[in-house]
């Protein structure tokens, strides 16, 4: 197992680098439902579980946790990806080998111990592999449910990522934080049922998000980052002058 070697300096530095990369690649990043994250119970571990449809899913949490929410955040990542992109270790990532049950349990136990130490946040992608945001039903590994059961008192928030071309040259990022599921140690639910609930909560947020984009209903979204101007925006600016 590859454990994190988190560095505050490297986290800030990589955050600045990723911010520039995002501004080059996307027209904007929009958030909805941030209040659900900010209102999570204090001194209780917070697990942000998300769909996984693009490589950028590993990058955006760095910006969100360190520059929007100011979390002490960690993330679980496939070991082969961590070996390829070793810098993720410096920003709080640790490895998991989902294909090996013994190693997967080891990573889940490490995550539980990490979150118990103090108020920390864990990002996790229960699908395990890149999957289209349109595919239904979602399929989750049971690892997230095992982790929540192990922690007892924990808050789980579904996070929907979507990348969409709207009206600009570059795509835009839409990120929705759903209502938190506050789990208590005396409310243990069976693993399979917990996995089903997690899937349904995230599917709901993804479906609402898709409808928002299709109908161009963006009033509830907050834009936290804008990229370079598109060709049409530059041309409109020239015409105005």
C-alpha atoms as a PDB file:
ATOM      1  CA  UNK A   1       0.000   0.000   0.000  1.00  0.00           C
ATOM      2  CA  UNK A   2       1.218   3.488  -0.867  1.00  0.00           C
ATOM      3  CA  UNK A   3       0.532   5.874   2.005  1.00  0.00           C
ATOM      4  CA  UNK A   4       0.286   9.668   1.686  1.00  0.00           C
ATOM      5  CA  UNK A   5       3.177  11.996   2.460  1.00  0.00           C
ATOM      6  CA  UNK A   6       1.116  15.149   2.586  1.00  0.00           C
ATOM      7  CA  UNK A   7       2.919  18.461   2.342  1.00  0.00           C
ATOM      8  CA  UNK A   8       1.189  21.817   2.862  1.00  0.00           C
ATOM      9  CA  UNK A   9       3.686  23.502   0.545  1.00  0.00           C
ATOM     10  CA  UNK A  10       3.279  20.906  -2.219  1.00  0.00           C
ATOM     11  CA  UNK A  11      -0.505  20.991  -1.836  1.00  0.00           C
ATOM     12  CA  UNK A  12      -0.521  24.760  -2.410  1.00  0.00           C
ATOM     13  CA  UNK A  13       1.961  24.511  -5.270  1.00  0.00           C
ATOM     14  CA  UNK A  14       0.110  21.705  -7.068  1.00  0.00           C
ATOM     15  CA  UNK A  15      -3.156  23.531  -6.423  1.00  0.00           C
ATOM     16  CA  UNK A  16      -1.844  26.604  -8.238  1.00  0.00           C
ATOM     17  CA  UNK A  17      -0.629  24.421 -11.122  1.00  0.00           C
ATOM     18  CA  UNK A  18      -3.953  22.596 -11.452  1.00  0.00           C
ATOM     19  CA  UNK A  19      -5.874  25.862 -11.271  1.00  0.00           C
ATOM     20  CA  UNK A  20      -3.961  27.123 -14.315  1.00  0.00           C
ATOM     21  CA  UNK A  21      -4.532  23.830 -16.137  1.00  0.00           C
ATOM     22  CA  UNK A  22      -8.271  23.986 -15.453  1.00  0.00           C
ATOM     23  CA  UNK A  23      -8.499  27.569 -16.713  1.00  0.00           C
ATOM     24  CA  UNK A  24      -6.808  26.525 -19.955  1.00  0.00           C
ATOM     25  CA  UNK A  25      -9.000  23.458 -20.454  1.00  0.00           C
ATOM     26  CA  UNK A  26     -12.434  24.739 -19.418  1.00  0.00           C
ATOM     27  CA  UNK A  27     -14.579  27.806 -19.911  1.00  0.00           C
ATOM     28  CA  UNK A  28     -15.780  27.751 -16.298  1.00  0.00           C
ATOM     29  CA  UNK A  29     -16.327  25.669 -13.171  1.00  0.00           C
ATOM     30  CA  UNK A  30     -19.774  25.911 -11.544  1.00  0.00           C
ATOM     31  CA  UNK A  31     -20.825  24.632  -8.103  1.00  0.00           C
ATOM     32  CA  UNK A  32     -24.227  23.865  -6.644  1.00  0.00           C
ATOM     33  CA  UNK A  33     -25.104  22.785  -3.090  1.00  0.00           C
ATOM     34  CA  UNK A  34     -21.915  23.882  -1.333  1.00  0.00           C
ATOM     35  CA  UNK A  35     -24.020  24.625   1.751  1.00  0.00           C
ATOM     36  CA  UNK A  36     -24.448  20.882   2.259  1.00  0.00           C
ATOM     37  CA  UNK A  37     -20.692  20.521   2.699  1.00  0.00           C
ATOM     38  CA  UNK A  38     -20.269  23.619   4.848  1.00  0.00           C
ATOM     39  CA  UNK A  39     -23.084  22.541   7.182  1.00  0.00           C
ATOM     40  CA  UNK A  40     -21.690  19.054   7.796  1.00  0.00           C
ATOM     41  CA  UNK A  41     -21.384  18.181  11.476  1.00  0.00           C
ATOM     42  CA  UNK A  42     -18.170  19.325  13.109  1.00  0.00           C
ATOM     43  CA  UNK A  43     -15.797  16.774  14.620  1.00  0.00           C
ATOM     44  CA  UNK A  44     -17.398  14.029  12.518  1.00  0.00           C
ATOM     45  CA  UNK A  45     -15.591  12.500   9.532  1.00  0.00           C
ATOM     46  CA  UNK A  46     -16.886  13.673   6.162  1.00  0.00           C
ATOM     47  CA  UNK A  47     -16.854  11.371   3.139  1.00  0.00           C
ATOM     48  CA  UNK A  48     -17.418  12.961  -0.268  1.00  0.00           C
ATOM     49  CA  UNK A  49     -18.263  10.197  -2.738  1.00  0.00           C
ATOM     50  CA  UNK A  50     -18.511  11.003  -6.429  1.00  0.00           C
ATOM     51  CA  UNK A  51     -19.103   9.583  -9.884  1.00  0.00           C
ATOM     52  CA  UNK A  52     -16.010   9.043 -11.985  1.00  0.00           C
ATOM     53  CA  UNK A  53     -16.317   9.999 -15.660  1.00  0.00           C
ATOM     54  CA  UNK A  54     -13.065  11.834 -16.454  1.00  0.00           C
ATOM     55  CA  UNK A  55      -9.406  12.138 -15.449  1.00  0.00           C
ATOM     56  CA  UNK A  56     -10.208  15.633 -14.172  1.00  0.00           C
ATOM     57  CA  UNK A  57     -12.185  14.060 -11.300  1.00  0.00           C
ATOM     58  CA  UNK A  58      -8.840  13.497  -9.578  1.00  0.00           C
ATOM     59  CA  UNK A  59      -7.778  17.122 -10.079  1.00  0.00           C
ATOM     60  CA  UNK A  60     -10.868  19.131  -9.154  1.00  0.00           C
ATOM     61  CA  UNK A  61     -11.058  17.888  -5.518  1.00  0.00           C
ATOM     62  CA  UNK A  62      -7.644  19.509  -4.945  1.00  0.00           C
ATOM     63  CA  UNK A  63      -9.109  22.896  -5.887  1.00  0.00           C
ATOM     64  CA  UNK A  64     -12.383  22.309  -4.042  1.00  0.00           C
ATOM     65  CA  UNK A  65     -10.946  21.095  -0.744  1.00  0.00           C
ATOM     66  CA  UNK A  66      -7.975  23.428  -0.543  1.00  0.00           C
ATOM     67  CA  UNK A  67      -9.241  26.634  -2.129  1.00  0.00           C
ATOM     68  CA  UNK A  68     -13.030  26.518  -1.637  1.00  0.00           C
ATOM     69  CA  UNK A  69     -13.731  24.544   1.555  1.00  0.00           C
ATOM     70  CA  UNK A  70     -10.243  24.619   3.166  1.00  0.00           C
ATOM     71  CA  UNK A  71     -10.434  20.980   4.225  1.00  0.00           C
ATOM     72  CA  UNK A  72      -7.755  18.690   5.523  1.00  0.00           C
ATOM     73  CA  UNK A  73      -8.572  16.377   2.639  1.00  0.00           C
ATOM     74  CA  UNK A  74      -7.395  12.924   1.560  1.00  0.00           C
ATOM     75  CA  UNK A  75      -8.344  10.653  -1.306  1.00  0.00           C
ATOM     76  CA  UNK A  76      -8.247   6.998  -2.253  1.00  0.00           C
ATOM     77  CA  UNK A  77      -6.704   6.260  -5.670  1.00  0.00           C
ATOM     78  CA  UNK A  78      -5.962   3.158  -7.697  1.00  0.00           C
ATOM     79  CA  UNK A  79      -2.414   2.004  -6.972  1.00  0.00           C
ATOM     80  CA  UNK A  80      -1.438   1.824 -10.654  1.00  0.00           C
ATOM     81  CA  UNK A  81      -2.478   5.471 -11.055  1.00  0.00           C
ATOM     82  CA  UNK A  82      -0.505   6.516  -7.994  1.00  0.00           C
ATOM     83  CA  UNK A  83       2.607   4.804  -9.326  1.00  0.00           C
ATOM     84  CA  UNK A  84       2.168   6.701 -12.573  1.00  0.00           C
ATOM     85  CA  UNK A  85       1.398  10.069 -10.951  1.00  0.00           C
ATOM     86  CA  UNK A  86       3.460  10.025  -7.769  1.00  0.00           C
ATOM     87  CA  UNK A  87       2.820  13.678  -6.925  1.00  0.00           C
ATOM     88  CA  UNK A  88      -0.710  12.767  -5.775  1.00  0.00           C
ATOM     89  CA  UNK A  89       0.917  11.229  -2.715  1.00  0.00           C
ATOM     90  CA  UNK A  90       2.103  14.703  -1.674  1.00  0.00           C
ATOM     91  CA  UNK A  91      -1.447  16.073  -1.619  1.00  0.00           C
ATOM     92  CA  UNK A  92      -2.990  13.335   0.518  1.00  0.00           C
ATOM     93  CA  UNK A  93      -3.720  10.388  -1.774  1.00  0.00           C
ATOM     94  CA  UNK A  94      -3.220   6.762  -0.743  1.00  0.00           C
ATOM     95  CA  UNK A  95      -3.553   3.611  -2.798  1.00  0.00           C
ATOM     96  CA  UNK A  96      -6.120   0.864  -3.123  1.00  0.00           C
ATOM     97  CA  UNK A  97      -6.047  -2.366  -5.133  1.00  0.00           C
ATOM     98  CA  UNK A  98      -9.714  -3.162  -5.646  1.00  0.00           C
ATOM     99  CA  UNK A  99      -8.986  -6.453  -7.417  1.00  0.00           C
ATOM    100  CA  UNK A 100      -7.288  -7.844  -4.301  1.00  0.00           C
ATOM    101  CA  UNK A 101      -9.779  -8.147  -1.386  1.00  0.00           C
ATOM    102  CA  UNK A 102      -7.049  -8.362   1.270  1.00  0.00           C
ATOM    103  CA  UNK A 103      -5.279  -5.223   0.033  1.00  0.00           C
ATOM    104  CA  UNK A 104      -8.592  -3.413  -0.441  1.00  0.00           C
ATOM    105  CA  UNK A 105      -9.545  -4.088   3.184  1.00  0.00           C
ATOM    106  CA  UNK A 106      -6.139  -2.812   4.269  1.00  0.00           C
ATOM    107  CA  UNK A 107      -6.751   0.481   2.445  1.00  0.00           C
ATOM    108  CA  UNK A 108     -10.239   0.825   3.928  1.00  0.00           C
ATOM    109  CA  UNK A 109      -8.897   0.240   7.431  1.00  0.00           C
ATOM    110  CA  UNK A 110      -6.207   2.844   6.809  1.00  0.00           C
ATOM    111  CA  UNK A 111      -8.882   5.307   5.645  1.00  0.00           C
ATOM    112  CA  UNK A 112     -10.972   4.678   8.773  1.00  0.00           C
ATOM    113  CA  UNK A 113      -7.980   5.194  11.080  1.00  0.00           C
ATOM    114  CA  UNK A 114      -7.053   8.363   9.185  1.00  0.00           C
ATOM    115  CA  UNK A 115     -10.524   9.863   9.534  1.00  0.00           C
ATOM    116  CA  UNK A 116     -10.851   8.960  13.216  1.00  0.00           C
ATOM    117  CA  UNK A 117      -7.821  11.005  14.253  1.00  0.00           C
ATOM    118  CA  UNK A 118      -9.551  14.379  13.803  1.00  0.00           C
ATOM    119  CA  UNK A 119     -12.003  16.199  11.534  1.00  0.00           C
ATOM    120  CA  UNK A 120     -10.772  15.169   8.118  1.00  0.00           C
ATOM    121  CA  UNK A 121     -12.351  14.732   4.725  1.00  0.00           C
ATOM    122  CA  UNK A 122     -12.046  11.778   2.359  1.00  0.00           C
ATOM    123  CA  UNK A 123     -12.782  11.834  -1.375  1.00  0.00           C
ATOM    124  CA  UNK A 124     -13.716   8.467  -2.820  1.00  0.00           C
ATOM    125  CA  UNK A 125     -14.979   7.211  -6.193  1.00  0.00           C
ATOM    126  CA  UNK A 126     -17.023   4.045  -5.515  1.00  0.00           C
ATOM    127  CA  UNK A 127     -17.328   3.113  -9.220  1.00  0.00           C
ATOM    128  CA  UNK A 128     -13.628   2.346  -9.257  1.00  0.00           C
ATOM    129  CA  UNK A 129     -13.204   2.931 -12.984  1.00  0.00           C
ATOM    130  CA  UNK A 130     -13.991   5.661 -15.487  1.00  0.00           C
ATOM    131  CA  UNK A 131     -17.652   5.358 -16.488  1.00  0.00           C
ATOM    132  CA  UNK A 132     -19.863   7.574 -18.629  1.00  0.00           C
ATOM    133  CA  UNK A 133     -21.971  10.024 -16.640  1.00  0.00           C
ATOM    134  CA  UNK A 134     -24.972   8.798 -18.662  1.00  0.00           C
ATOM    135  CA  UNK A 135     -24.757   5.145 -17.652  1.00  0.00           C
ATOM    136  CA  UNK A 136     -27.537   3.887 -15.383  1.00  0.00           C
ATOM    137  CA  UNK A 137     -27.811   2.269 -12.995  1.00  0.00           C
ATOM    138  CA  UNK A 138     -24.607   3.232 -11.245  1.00  0.00           C
ATOM    139  CA  UNK A 139     -22.497   0.338 -10.027  1.00  0.00           C
ATOM    140  CA  UNK A 140     -20.559   0.828  -6.784  1.00  0.00           C
ATOM    141  CA  UNK A 141     -18.049  -1.424  -5.118  1.00  0.00           C
ATOM    142  CA  UNK A 142     -19.019  -2.162  -1.501  1.00  0.00           C
ATOM    143  CA  UNK A 143     -15.855  -0.572  -0.113  1.00  0.00           C
ATOM    144  CA  UNK A 144     -17.470   2.791   0.619  1.00  0.00           C
ATOM    145  CA  UNK A 145     -20.280   1.113   2.539  1.00  0.00           C
ATOM    146  CA  UNK A 146     -17.754  -0.917   4.555  1.00  0.00           C
ATOM    147  CA  UNK A 147     -15.882   2.286   5.390  1.00  0.00           C
ATOM    148  CA  UNK A 148     -19.027   4.104   6.562  1.00  0.00           C
ATOM    149  CA  UNK A 149     -19.993   1.125   8.714  1.00  0.00           C
ATOM    150  CA  UNK A 150     -16.519   0.989  10.226  1.00  0.00           C
ATOM    151  CA  UNK A 151     -16.572   4.690  11.097  1.00  0.00           C
ATOM    152  CA  UNK A 152     -19.988   4.631  12.791  1.00  0.00           C
ATOM    153  CA  UNK A 153     -20.583   8.376  13.206  1.00  0.00           C
ATOM    154  CA  UNK A 154     -19.957   9.844   9.760  1.00  0.00           C
ATOM    155  CA  UNK A 155     -21.478  12.194   7.177  1.00  0.00           C
ATOM    156  CA  UNK A 156     -21.594  11.122   3.523  1.00  0.00           C
ATOM    157  CA  UNK A 157     -22.260  13.662   0.757  1.00  0.00           C
ATOM    158  CA  UNK A 158     -22.874  12.651  -2.882  1.00  0.00           C
ATOM    159  CA  UNK A 159     -20.952  14.693  -5.467  1.00  0.00           C
ATOM    160  CA  UNK A 160     -21.962  14.759  -9.132  1.00  0.00           C
ATOM    161  CA  UNK A 161     -19.371  15.765 -11.746  1.00  0.00           C
ATOM    162  CA  UNK A 162     -20.416  16.694 -15.288  1.00  0.00           C
ATOM    163  CA  UNK A 163     -18.419  18.085 -18.216  1.00  0.00           C
ATOM    164  CA  UNK A 164     -20.538  19.758 -20.876  1.00  0.00           C
ATOM    165  CA  UNK A 165     -20.247  22.024 -23.885  1.00  0.00           C
ATOM    166  CA  UNK A 166     -22.828  24.767 -23.424  1.00  0.00           C
ATOM    167  CA  UNK A 167     -22.385  27.938 -25.443  1.00  0.00           C
ATOM    168  CA  UNK A 168     -18.638  28.394 -25.470  1.00  0.00           C
ATOM    169  CA  UNK A 169     -15.593  27.080 -27.274  1.00  0.00           C
ATOM    170  CA  UNK A 170     -14.450  25.028 -24.291  1.00  0.00           C
ATOM    171  CA  UNK A 171     -16.498  22.700 -22.085  1.00  0.00           C
ATOM    172  CA  UNK A 172     -17.760  23.755 -18.680  1.00  0.00           C
ATOM    173  CA  UNK A 173     -17.617  21.824 -15.412  1.00  0.00           C
ATOM    174  CA  UNK A 174     -20.728  21.367 -13.282  1.00  0.00           C
ATOM    175  CA  UNK A 175     -20.316  20.021  -9.751  1.00  0.00           C
ATOM    176  CA  UNK A 176     -23.293  19.328  -7.497  1.00  0.00           C
ATOM    177  CA  UNK A 177     -23.108  18.500  -3.785  1.00  0.00           C
ATOM    178  CA  UNK A 178     -26.198  16.628  -2.636  1.00  0.00           C
ATOM    179  CA  UNK A 179     -27.894  16.557   0.732  1.00  0.00           C
ATOM    180  CA  UNK A 180     -25.752  14.876   3.404  1.00  0.00           C
ATOM    181  CA  UNK A 181     -26.545  11.463   4.790  1.00  0.00           C
ATOM    182  CA  UNK A 182     -25.707  11.682   8.472  1.00  0.00           C
ATOM    183  CA  UNK A 183     -25.034   8.193   9.770  1.00  0.00           C
ATOM    184  CA  UNK A 184     -24.758   7.415  13.470  1.00  0.00           C
ATOM    185  CA  UNK A 185     -23.129   4.431  15.117  1.00  0.00           C
ATOM    186  CA  UNK A 186     -26.492   3.192  16.448  1.00  0.00           C
ATOM    187  CA  UNK A 187     -28.034   3.253  12.942  1.00  0.00           C
ATOM    188  CA  UNK A 188     -26.025   0.533  11.262  1.00  0.00           C
ATOM    189  CA  UNK A 189     -27.393  -0.592   7.906  1.00  0.00           C
ATOM    190  CA  UNK A 190     -26.414  -3.753   6.044  1.00  0.00           C
ATOM    191  CA  UNK A 191     -23.564  -3.347   3.572  1.00  0.00           C
ATOM    192  CA  UNK A 192     -25.572  -4.140   0.443  1.00  0.00           C
ATOM    193  CA  UNK A 193     -28.384  -1.814   1.478  1.00  0.00           C
ATOM    194  CA  UNK A 194     -25.910   0.969   2.278  1.00  0.00           C
ATOM    195  CA  UNK A 195     -24.362   0.600  -1.179  1.00  0.00           C
ATOM    196  CA  UNK A 196     -27.825   0.771  -2.780  1.00  0.00           C
ATOM    197  CA  UNK A 197     -28.673   3.942  -0.844  1.00  0.00           C
ATOM    198  CA  UNK A 198     -25.386   5.589  -1.830  1.00  0.00           C
ATOM    199  CA  UNK A 199     -26.009   4.748  -5.487  1.00  0.00           C
ATOM    200  CA  UNK A 200     -29.563   6.088  -5.432  1.00  0.00           C
ATOM    201  CA  UNK A 201     -28.586   9.346  -3.727  1.00  0.00           C
ATOM    202  CA  UNK A 202     -25.867  10.031  -6.281  1.00  0.00           C
ATOM    203  CA  UNK A 203     -28.018   8.968  -9.245  1.00  0.00           C
ATOM    204  CA  UNK A 204     -30.660  11.465  -8.147  1.00  0.00           C
ATOM    205  CA  UNK A 205     -28.144  14.333  -8.034  1.00  0.00           C
ATOM    206  CA  UNK A 206     -26.695  13.338 -11.414  1.00  0.00           C
ATOM    207  CA  UNK A 207     -30.156  13.210 -13.008  1.00  0.00           C
ATOM    208  CA  UNK A 208     -31.144  16.622 -11.624  1.00  0.00           C
ATOM    209  CA  UNK A 209     -27.816  18.039 -12.768  1.00  0.00           C
ATOM    210  CA  UNK A 210     -28.322  16.652 -16.279  1.00  0.00           C
ATOM    211  CA  UNK A 211     -31.765  18.272 -16.388  1.00  0.00           C
ATOM    212  CA  UNK A 212     -30.278  21.594 -15.231  1.00  0.00           C
ATOM    213  CA  UNK A 213     -27.774  21.519 -18.083  1.00  0.00           C
ATOM    214  CA  UNK A 214     -30.300  20.410 -20.711  1.00  0.00           C
ATOM    215  CA  UNK A 215     -32.740  23.164 -19.728  1.00  0.00           C
ATOM    216  CA  UNK A 216     -29.967  25.730 -19.135  1.00  0.00           C
ATOM    217  CA  UNK A 217     -31.174  26.279 -15.556  1.00  0.00           C
ATOM    218  CA  UNK A 218     -28.041  27.678 -13.950  1.00  0.00           C
ATOM    219  CA  UNK A 219     -29.433  30.104 -11.341  1.00  0.00           C
ATOM    220  CA  UNK A 220     -28.542  27.773  -8.447  1.00  0.00           C
ATOM    221  CA  UNK A 221     -24.920  27.420  -9.600  1.00  0.00           C
ATOM    222  CA  UNK A 222     -22.019  29.516  -8.352  1.00  0.00           C
ATOM    223  CA  UNK A 223     -19.117  30.093 -10.732  1.00  0.00           C
ATOM    224  CA  UNK A 224     -15.807  29.716  -8.896  1.00  0.00           C
ATOM    225  CA  UNK A 225     -13.412  29.713 -11.819  1.00  0.00           C
ATOM    226  CA  UNK A 226     -13.430  31.059 -15.367  1.00  0.00           C
ATOM    227  CA  UNK A 227     -11.115  30.186 -18.204  1.00  0.00           C
ATOM    228  CA  UNK A 228      -9.806  32.071 -21.193  1.00  0.00           C
ATOM    229  CA  UNK A 229     -12.313  33.858 -23.399  1.00  0.00           C
ATOM    230  CA  UNK A 230     -13.795  31.833 -26.253  1.00  0.00           C
ATOM    231  CA  UNK A 231     -13.511  32.965 -29.850  1.00  0.00           C
ATOM    232  CA  UNK A 232     -17.120  34.217 -29.857  1.00  0.00           C
ATOM    233  CA  UNK A 233     -16.529  36.171 -26.619  1.00  0.00           C
ATOM    234  CA  UNK A 234     -13.427  37.823 -28.066  1.00  0.00           C
ATOM    235  CA  UNK A 235     -15.298  38.698 -31.250  1.00  0.00           C
ATOM    236  CA  UNK A 236     -18.230  40.147 -29.266  1.00  0.00           C
ATOM    237  CA  UNK A 237     -15.753  42.250 -27.253  1.00  0.00           C
ATOM    238  CA  UNK A 238     -14.196  43.592 -30.478  1.00  0.00           C
ATOM    239  CA  UNK A 239     -17.613  44.443 -31.892  1.00  0.00           C
ATOM    240  CA  UNK A 240     -18.566  46.317 -28.689  1.00  0.00           C
ATOM    241  CA  UNK A 241     -15.372  48.384 -28.942  1.00  0.00           C
END
